[in-house]
Amino acid sequence: MATKLELEEYLYRRAIDIIESADTDDDKEKLLFLEVWIPLADLYKDKLIPPSSGENA
């Protein structure tokens, strides 16, 4: 299984491939969102969303 760093590197390389592709800007934007930004956020969701303290507000 790949480490977080290896997965992050893959996602950044995928972003470069998408940006350098001949697709339209709209297609690039959709691809970047679906194939790079969402997986990257999921990869680091533990740092984006604070852990629940177990208390109800």
C-alpha atoms as a PDB file:
ATOM      1  CA  MET A   1       0.000   0.000   0.000  1.00  0.00           C
ATOM      2  CA  ALA A   2       1.239   3.470  -0.844  1.00  0.00           C
ATOM      3  CA  THR A   3       2.086   5.969   1.875  1.00  0.00           C
ATOM      4  CA  LYS A   4       0.277   9.297   2.189  1.00  0.00           C
ATOM      5  CA  LEU A   5       3.270  11.029   0.681  1.00  0.00           C
ATOM      6  CA  GLU A   6       3.287   8.692  -2.325  1.00  0.00           C
ATOM      7  CA  LEU A   7      -0.445   9.202  -2.857  1.00  0.00           C
ATOM      8  CA  GLU A   8      -0.025  12.963  -2.552  1.00  0.00           C
ATOM      9  CA  GLU A   9       2.788  12.892  -5.110  1.00  0.00           C
ATOM     10  CA  TYR A  10       0.598  10.889  -7.492  1.00  0.00           C
ATOM     11  CA  LEU A  11      -2.240  13.417  -7.114  1.00  0.00           C
ATOM     12  CA  TYR A  12       0.070  16.359  -7.810  1.00  0.00           C
ATOM     13  CA  ARG A  13       1.445  14.617 -10.897  1.00  0.00           C
ATOM     14  CA  ARG A  14      -2.119  13.921 -12.027  1.00  0.00           C
ATOM     15  CA  ALA A  15      -2.913  17.627 -11.569  1.00  0.00           C
ATOM     16  CA  ILE A  16       0.022  18.571 -13.803  1.00  0.00           C
ATOM     17  CA  ASP A  17      -1.124  16.068 -16.433  1.00  0.00           C
ATOM     18  CA  ILE A  18      -4.618  17.552 -16.382  1.00  0.00           C
ATOM     19  CA  ILE A  19      -3.368  21.148 -16.547  1.00  0.00           C
ATOM     20  CA  GLU A  20      -1.082  20.362 -19.476  1.00  0.00           C
ATOM     21  CA  SER A  21      -3.769  18.415 -21.363  1.00  0.00           C
ATOM     22  CA  ALA A  22      -5.542  19.672 -24.466  1.00  0.00           C
ATOM     23  CA  ASP A  23      -8.919  19.612 -22.692  1.00  0.00           C
ATOM     24  CA  THR A  24     -11.009  22.756 -22.393  1.00  0.00           C
ATOM     25  CA  ASP A  25     -10.635  24.843 -19.230  1.00  0.00           C
ATOM     26  CA  ASP A  26     -14.093  23.710 -18.073  1.00  0.00           C
ATOM     27  CA  ASP A  27     -13.104  20.063 -18.498  1.00  0.00           C
ATOM     28  CA  LYS A  28      -9.804  20.660 -16.716  1.00  0.00           C
ATOM     29  CA  GLU A  29     -11.597  22.310 -13.817  1.00  0.00           C
ATOM     30  CA  LYS A  30     -13.979  19.367 -13.458  1.00  0.00           C
ATOM     31  CA  LEU A  31     -11.185  16.818 -13.728  1.00  0.00           C
ATOM     32  CA  LEU A  32      -9.018  18.639 -11.189  1.00  0.00           C
ATOM     33  CA  PHE A  33     -11.888  18.792  -8.731  1.00  0.00           C
ATOM     34  CA  LEU A  34     -12.924  15.156  -9.142  1.00  0.00           C
ATOM     35  CA  GLU A  35      -9.549  13.492  -9.619  1.00  0.00           C
ATOM     36  CA  VAL A  36      -7.233  15.660  -7.519  1.00  0.00           C
ATOM     37  CA  TRP A  37      -8.809  18.013  -4.989  1.00  0.00           C
ATOM     38  CA  ILE A  38     -11.465  15.659  -3.584  1.00  0.00           C
ATOM     39  CA  PRO A  39      -9.021  12.737  -3.174  1.00  0.00           C
ATOM     40  CA  LEU A  40      -6.412  15.082  -1.686  1.00  0.00           C
ATOM     41  CA  ALA A  41      -8.920  16.462   0.821  1.00  0.00           C
ATOM     42  CA  ASP A  42      -9.977  12.909   1.683  1.00  0.00           C
ATOM     43  CA  LEU A  43      -6.341  11.956   2.179  1.00  0.00           C
ATOM     44  CA  TYR A  44      -5.891  14.736   4.732  1.00  0.00           C
ATOM     45  CA  LYS A  45      -9.392  14.959   6.177  1.00  0.00           C
ATOM     46  CA  ASP A  46      -7.987  14.159   9.621  1.00  0.00           C
ATOM     47  CA  LYS A  47      -6.125  17.485   9.467  1.00  0.00           C
ATOM     48  CA  LEU A  48      -9.065  19.420   7.967  1.00  0.00           C
ATOM     49  CA  ILE A  49     -11.781  18.278  10.356  1.00  0.00           C
ATOM     50  CA  PRO A  50     -11.011  18.493  14.055  1.00  0.00           C
ATOM     51  CA  PRO A  51     -11.728  15.287  15.978  1.00  0.00           C
ATOM     52  CA  SER A  52     -14.983  15.221  17.843  1.00  0.00           C
ATOM     53  CA  SER A  53     -14.575  15.963  21.522  1.00  0.00           C
ATOM     54  CA  GLY A  54     -17.457  13.623  22.331  1.00  0.00           C
ATOM     55  CA  GLU A  55     -19.503  16.449  23.785  1.00  0.00           C
ATOM     56  CA  ASN A  56     -22.847  17.508  22.393  1.00  0.00           C
ATOM     57  CA  ALA A  57     -23.216  21.208  21.738  1.00  0.00           C
END
